[in-house]
Each structure stands twice: as C-alpha cells, then as structure tokens.
Amino acid sequence: MVTTVGATMSALHLETFGPDSPDAPLVLALHGLTGHGRRWAPLAADLPDHRIVAPDLLGHGSSSWEPPWSYDAHLDALELLVVDLGRPLTIVAHSFGGALAIRLAQRLPDRITALVLLDPAQGLDPSRALDVATNGMANWTYPSPEAAYSAKRAEGWAAVPDAILDEEIAVHLRPSEQVGLPAGRFAWRVSQPAAAVAWSEMATPAQLPPPGLPTDIVIADRVDPPFIDAAFLAACANERADSVRIHHADCEHMVPFLEPGLVADLVRAAVGRG
C-alpha cells in the first residue's frame, strides 16, 4: 500500500498487519537506518490482535527517494500519516526510528500514547558517525547476494535466525542497477545519500521523550560502543523518572529479531499503559 502524504509531496509505502478494526490496538512501527517496514512482520505474528502500520522511511524501500531526508522531512511525512490514521497510537521503533519516534511524540503529544524504543540511535559522537557513514559509503554494494549475507552476519546480525536473514536478502536486496547504481553488483533498497544524511542527523544532540509519556527503552548490551550514551540515560533518570523505564537485553543491535518475546511483551504492555 502506498499512501501519499500531501503537503510534503512525498510518498510513504506502508506495510500493514493485523485487523483493520477500530477496536484493534494501533501501533506505528518505525524501522532503523537501511531497513524497511516489512521487517516488522515477525512482531505482527506475535501480536495478531494488533493493527501494525509500518512505513518504509524516506529514502528506503518503496517510499520516495527524493530529498530532503532530514529529521524534519521524515517527521513531516510521519505526522501526516499519524493524522490520517485518525486515532491515538503506540510507537515501537528501532535505532534511527527511535530518534524519529521521540521527535514525533514531541510534535503530536495528543496522538502518541506510549513509546517502545529499541536501542535508539541519537546524539552519536560526530567522529563515530563520520567513520561509520564513510565506511558504509565505501562498501555500499556487494559482488553477490552471498557477500551481502556474509556482511550482514558481520554487522550485528550474527545471531539473527537464518529464516529472517534469508527473507531480508529476498525482499530487500536488488541488482545495483535497479537502485540507480552502476550495474553488475547488488545493493539494499536504500538511497545512499539519504543514509549519509541520517548519520549526520544522529550526530545532533539527543532529545528526551515528552514529559509524562510512558516510554520503554531497551539497551542492547552487546553493542560496543553503545548507541545509547550515559548522559541520555542520566537525563531520563533525572528528568523522566516517572515515565521512562529502562530494560537491558543481552544481544546485539537488531533487538526486534533477537529479543522478539521481550519486544512483543513491551508493546502489549505499552498499549495498556497508554
């Protein structure tokens, strides 16, 4: 399903799961950088009574690849989507999506009832963001699907189940000429410039969830250096102690795939808290 989000002249492709009923809890699911909405299918299987709406973010998948790709551009598109959905919702978000979720909740305090943030990536050290972005741009394509598979295994996907990684390759990897790059190699359905902009945005200062908004934050303890820094956690403890709960997961960064039971439980509870 493609939904045009009018004022921004952008398009968000939506993956939707679960009953399309006003009685079904509504969950907006935001993937991380280089991801896509269909990654939330396993969560939807764990929450069959929930309505899950999972957009491809700008510059990703089947959504618009036209600039701008800033936080504000993403938020403009997501705000119109939330308004179009027409009722309050919970957000579950991973990595870069977590940074967007916090800022979207700030924009729409009456529409967002709770947040579940899975190893959210924001407020990164600029030198780290530069190094990761530069390395990513230099190694953007692969000579074969097998090479892409091996690269994923080396990039925090080592413990992701085989079936999920197989699905990722089948759904998200394309011959490079299909994504606007020179032919003869393979690449993910992600705009390279959009990814670079995302790393730049994640190097800007971190922001806190709105006061009083029920928020669960999952820290992936095996990520080193972590995406969630001590200053952010201290600010949550000092300024949001009544609404933010911190959870630790003994896993790498791909929390939705590595701790599916925890994620489903947190989303289910967040719907109740909200």
Protein backbone atom coordinates (compact mmCIF):
# COMPACT_ATOMS: atom_id res chain seq x y z
CA MET A 1 0.00 0.00 0.00
CA VAL A 2 1.36 3.44 -0.93
CA THR A 3 0.00 6.45 0.90
CA THR A 4 0.68 9.91 -0.46
CA VAL A 5 1.33 12.38 2.32
CA GLY A 6 0.12 15.53 0.68
CA ALA A 7 1.82 18.67 1.94
CA THR A 8 5.31 17.19 1.76
CA MET A 9 4.80 15.88 -1.80
CA SER A 10 6.45 12.69 -0.58
CA ALA A 11 5.16 9.14 -0.54
CA LEU A 12 5.41 6.61 2.25
CA HIS A 13 4.96 2.98 1.34
CA LEU A 14 3.12 1.20 4.13
CA GLU A 15 3.25 -2.40 5.25
CA THR A 16 0.16 -3.16 7.30
CA PHE A 17 -0.52 -6.15 9.53
CA GLY A 18 -3.38 -7.32 11.70
CA PRO A 19 -7.08 -6.48 11.84
CA ASP A 20 -8.20 -3.21 10.27
CA SER A 21 -10.65 -2.56 13.06
CA PRO A 22 -11.16 0.47 15.31
CA ASP A 23 -11.12 -1.94 18.25
CA ALA A 24 -7.63 -3.26 17.46
CA PRO A 25 -4.77 -1.51 19.28
CA LEU A 26 -2.95 0.69 16.76
CA VAL A 27 0.84 0.51 16.60
CA LEU A 28 3.13 2.56 14.38
CA ALA A 29 6.38 0.63 13.77
CA LEU A 30 9.48 2.54 12.63
CA HIS A 31 12.47 0.62 11.31
CA GLY A 32 16.11 1.63 11.61
CA LEU A 33 18.54 3.01 9.06
CA THR A 34 18.79 0.82 5.91
CA GLY A 35 15.69 -1.10 6.99
CA HIS A 36 12.13 -1.34 5.66
CA GLY A 37 8.61 -1.75 7.00
CA ARG A 38 8.32 -5.44 6.27
CA ARG A 39 10.91 -6.16 8.95
CA TRP A 40 8.06 -5.89 11.45
CA ALA A 41 6.26 -8.98 10.12
CA PRO A 42 7.62 -11.24 12.91
CA LEU A 43 6.35 -8.80 15.56
CA ALA A 44 2.97 -8.73 13.87
CA ALA A 45 2.85 -12.52 14.04
CA ASP A 46 3.45 -12.26 17.80
CA LEU A 47 0.70 -9.61 18.16
CA PRO A 48 -2.06 -10.88 15.87
CA ASP A 49 -4.76 -8.80 17.54
CA HIS A 50 -2.89 -5.51 16.99
CA ARG A 51 -3.07 -3.30 13.91
CA ILE A 52 0.55 -2.56 12.96
CA VAL A 53 1.34 0.13 10.39
CA ALA A 54 4.97 0.01 9.28
CA PRO A 55 6.15 2.60 6.73
CA ASP A 56 9.30 2.44 4.69
CA LEU A 57 11.07 5.61 5.81
CA LEU A 58 12.03 8.23 3.24
CA GLY A 59 14.91 7.06 1.05
CA HIS A 60 14.14 3.43 1.95
CA GLY A 61 12.33 0.59 0.24
CA SER A 62 9.37 1.67 -1.88
CA SER A 63 8.93 5.12 -0.31
CA SER A 64 10.07 8.32 -2.01
CA TRP A 65 13.82 8.62 -2.53
CA GLU A 66 13.65 12.34 -3.34
CA PRO A 67 15.33 14.74 -0.89
CA PRO A 68 15.16 16.18 1.68
CA TRP A 69 15.90 13.33 4.10
CA SER A 70 16.37 15.33 7.31
CA TYR A 71 14.70 14.60 10.62
CA ASP A 72 12.16 17.29 9.75
CA ALA A 73 11.37 15.75 6.37
CA HIS A 74 10.77 12.35 7.95
CA LEU A 75 8.67 13.92 10.70
CA ASP A 76 6.56 15.91 8.23
CA ALA A 77 5.70 12.71 6.38
CA LEU A 78 5.09 10.71 9.56
CA GLU A 79 2.97 13.45 11.12
CA LEU A 80 0.62 13.45 8.15
CA LEU A 81 0.43 9.66 8.31
CA VAL A 82 -0.45 9.71 12.02
CA VAL A 83 -3.11 12.34 11.45
CA ASP A 84 -4.50 10.31 8.56
CA LEU A 85 -4.70 7.19 10.74
CA GLY A 86 -7.14 9.16 12.83
CA ARG A 87 -6.73 7.78 16.34
CA PRO A 88 -4.13 7.62 19.10
CA LEU A 89 -1.39 5.02 18.77
CA THR A 90 1.68 3.45 20.35
CA ILE A 91 5.04 3.65 18.57
CA VAL A 92 7.60 0.86 18.53
CA ALA A 93 10.84 1.97 16.93
CA HIS A 94 14.33 0.64 16.34
CA SER A 95 17.63 2.55 16.13
CA PHE A 96 17.24 5.61 13.83
CA GLY A 97 13.50 5.04 14.05
CA GLY A 98 13.77 5.61 17.80
CA ALA A 99 15.21 9.08 17.26
CA LEU A 100 12.27 9.83 14.96
CA ALA A 101 9.75 8.40 17.42
CA ILE A 102 10.87 10.71 20.23
CA ARG A 103 10.62 13.76 18.00
CA LEU A 104 7.28 12.69 16.54
CA ALA A 105 5.87 12.32 20.04
CA GLN A 106 7.06 15.84 20.80
CA ARG A 107 5.13 17.09 17.78
CA LEU A 108 1.97 15.09 18.45
CA PRO A 109 1.53 14.75 22.22
CA ASP A 110 -2.20 14.11 21.88
CA ARG A 111 -1.78 11.35 19.29
CA ILE A 112 1.11 9.28 20.70
CA THR A 113 0.16 7.37 23.84
CA ALA A 114 3.37 5.41 24.53
CA LEU A 115 6.83 4.67 23.10
CA VAL A 116 8.84 1.45 22.93
CA LEU A 117 12.36 2.37 21.82
CA LEU A 118 14.68 -0.48 20.83
CA ASP A 119 18.33 0.57 21.11
CA PRO A 120 17.51 4.09 19.84
CA ALA A 121 20.35 5.82 18.00
CA GLN A 122 20.69 9.56 18.56
CA GLY A 123 23.19 12.00 19.99
CA LEU A 124 26.06 10.00 18.49
CA ASP A 125 29.64 11.17 18.73
CA PRO A 126 30.25 13.06 15.45
CA SER A 127 33.56 11.33 14.80
CA ARG A 128 31.89 7.94 15.16
CA ALA A 129 29.06 8.96 12.85
CA LEU A 130 31.58 10.16 10.27
CA ASP A 131 33.59 6.93 10.45
CA VAL A 132 30.53 4.70 10.14
CA ALA A 133 29.00 6.75 7.33
CA THR A 134 32.28 6.91 5.42
CA ASN A 135 32.83 3.17 5.73
CA GLY A 136 29.25 2.50 4.72
CA MET A 137 29.50 4.68 1.62
CA ALA A 138 32.76 2.96 0.63
CA ASN A 139 31.22 -0.52 0.97
CA TRP A 140 27.71 0.17 -0.27
CA THR A 141 27.43 -2.60 -2.87
CA TYR A 142 28.26 -6.31 -2.94
CA PRO A 143 29.54 -8.61 -5.67
CA SER A 144 26.87 -11.22 -4.90
CA PRO A 145 23.92 -11.98 -2.60
CA GLU A 146 26.21 -14.36 -0.73
CA ALA A 147 28.60 -11.49 0.00
CA ALA A 148 25.69 -9.36 1.26
CA TYR A 149 24.63 -12.25 3.50
CA SER A 150 28.13 -12.56 4.95
CA ALA A 151 28.36 -8.81 5.50
CA LYS A 152 25.11 -8.83 7.47
CA ARG A 153 26.39 -11.64 9.66
CA ALA A 154 29.43 -9.48 10.47
CA GLU A 155 27.36 -6.35 11.18
CA GLY A 156 25.33 -7.31 14.24
CA TRP A 157 23.21 -9.97 12.53
CA ALA A 158 25.35 -12.93 13.67
CA ALA A 159 22.59 -14.37 15.87
CA VAL A 160 19.59 -13.37 13.73
CA PRO A 161 17.67 -16.51 12.70
CA ASP A 162 18.50 -17.85 9.23
CA ALA A 163 14.92 -17.53 8.01
CA ILE A 164 14.83 -13.81 8.83
CA LEU A 165 18.12 -13.10 7.08
CA ASP A 166 17.01 -15.16 4.09
CA GLU A 167 13.85 -13.05 3.94
CA GLU A 168 15.91 -9.86 4.17
CA ILE A 169 18.00 -10.90 1.18
CA ALA A 170 14.93 -11.90 -0.84
CA VAL A 171 12.90 -8.77 -0.07
CA HIS A 172 15.46 -6.01 0.32
CA LEU A 173 18.50 -6.78 -1.87
CA ARG A 174 18.42 -5.78 -5.53
CA PRO A 175 20.74 -5.74 -8.53
CA SER A 176 22.53 -2.41 -8.24
CA GLU A 177 21.12 -1.02 -11.50
CA GLN A 178 17.61 -1.31 -10.01
CA VAL A 179 18.54 1.17 -7.28
CA GLY A 180 20.26 3.71 -9.51
CA LEU A 181 23.83 2.45 -9.19
CA PRO A 182 26.26 1.05 -11.77
CA ALA A 183 25.31 -2.42 -12.95
CA GLY A 184 26.98 -5.66 -12.03
CA ARG A 185 26.67 -5.66 -8.24
CA PHE A 186 23.97 -5.81 -5.55
CA ALA A 187 22.65 -3.23 -3.05
CA TRP A 188 19.90 -2.75 -0.49
CA ARG A 189 16.81 -0.74 -1.41
CA VAL A 190 18.19 2.34 0.32
CA SER A 191 19.29 5.72 -1.01
CA GLN A 192 22.99 6.16 -0.31
CA PRO A 193 22.70 9.96 0.13
CA ALA A 194 19.71 9.51 2.47
CA ALA A 195 21.73 7.15 4.64
CA ALA A 196 24.59 9.66 4.87
CA VAL A 197 22.14 12.38 5.93
CA ALA A 198 20.71 10.07 8.61
CA TRP A 199 24.15 9.58 10.16
CA SER A 200 24.56 13.36 10.21
CA GLU A 201 21.21 13.81 11.93
CA MET A 202 22.01 11.15 14.52
CA ALA A 203 25.12 13.16 15.44
CA THR A 204 22.96 16.11 16.58
CA PRO A 205 22.06 16.32 20.30
CA ALA A 206 19.80 13.65 21.74
CA GLN A 207 16.31 14.57 22.88
CA LEU A 208 14.17 13.16 25.67
CA PRO A 209 10.67 11.75 25.30
CA PRO A 210 7.94 14.23 26.24
CA PRO A 211 7.31 14.58 29.98
CA GLY A 212 4.84 12.04 31.30
CA LEU A 213 4.74 9.91 28.15
CA PRO A 214 5.05 6.19 29.04
CA THR A 215 8.33 5.12 27.45
CA ASP A 216 10.24 1.84 27.48
CA ILE A 217 13.86 1.91 26.32
CA VAL A 218 15.70 -1.31 25.55
CA ILE A 219 19.50 -1.21 25.65
CA ALA A 220 21.30 -3.84 23.56
CA ASP A 221 24.13 -4.64 25.94
CA ARG A 222 26.42 -6.25 23.37
CA VAL A 223 26.72 -3.11 21.24
CA ASP A 224 30.14 -1.57 21.81
CA PRO A 225 30.35 1.37 21.79
CA PRO A 226 26.67 1.67 22.68
CA PHE A 227 24.19 3.75 20.71
CA ILE A 228 22.63 4.94 23.98
CA ASP A 229 25.06 7.03 25.98
CA ALA A 230 25.27 7.55 29.71
CA ALA A 231 24.28 11.22 29.53
CA PHE A 232 20.96 10.36 27.88
CA LEU A 233 20.22 7.68 30.45
CA ALA A 234 21.13 10.05 33.28
CA ALA A 235 18.81 12.70 31.87
CA CYS A 236 16.00 10.15 31.67
CA ALA A 237 16.63 9.16 35.30
CA ASN A 238 16.75 12.76 36.49
CA GLU A 239 14.01 14.30 34.36
CA ARG A 240 11.70 11.44 33.28
CA ALA A 241 11.87 9.01 36.21
CA ASP A 242 8.09 8.84 36.42
CA SER A 243 7.58 7.81 32.79
CA VAL A 244 10.72 6.16 31.37
CA ARG A 245 11.63 2.55 32.12
CA ILE A 246 14.98 1.08 31.11
CA HIS A 247 15.41 -2.56 30.08
CA HIS A 248 18.60 -4.44 29.22
CA ALA A 249 18.85 -7.11 26.54
CA ASP A 250 21.87 -9.40 26.24
CA CYS A 251 22.07 -9.06 22.46
CA GLU A 252 23.46 -7.12 19.52
CA HIS A 253 21.72 -4.16 17.89
CA MET A 254 18.95 -5.99 15.99
CA VAL A 255 16.70 -6.16 19.05
CA PRO A 256 13.42 -6.79 17.14
CA PHE A 257 14.85 -10.04 15.75
CA LEU A 258 17.00 -11.11 18.70
CA GLU A 259 14.54 -10.48 21.55
CA PRO A 260 11.12 -10.91 19.90
CA GLY A 261 9.37 -12.06 23.06
CA LEU A 262 10.59 -9.07 25.04
CA VAL A 263 9.58 -6.67 22.27
CA ALA A 264 6.09 -8.14 21.94
CA ASP A 265 5.59 -8.04 25.72
CA LEU A 266 6.71 -4.42 25.90
CA VAL A 267 4.45 -3.34 23.04
CA ARG A 268 1.49 -5.17 24.58
CA ALA A 269 2.16 -3.54 27.95
CA ALA A 270 2.75 -0.12 26.38
CA VAL A 271 -0.64 -0.26 24.72
CA GLY A 272 -2.11 -0.88 28.17
CA ARG A 273 -0.05 1.86 29.81
CA GLY A 274 -1.05 4.35 27.15
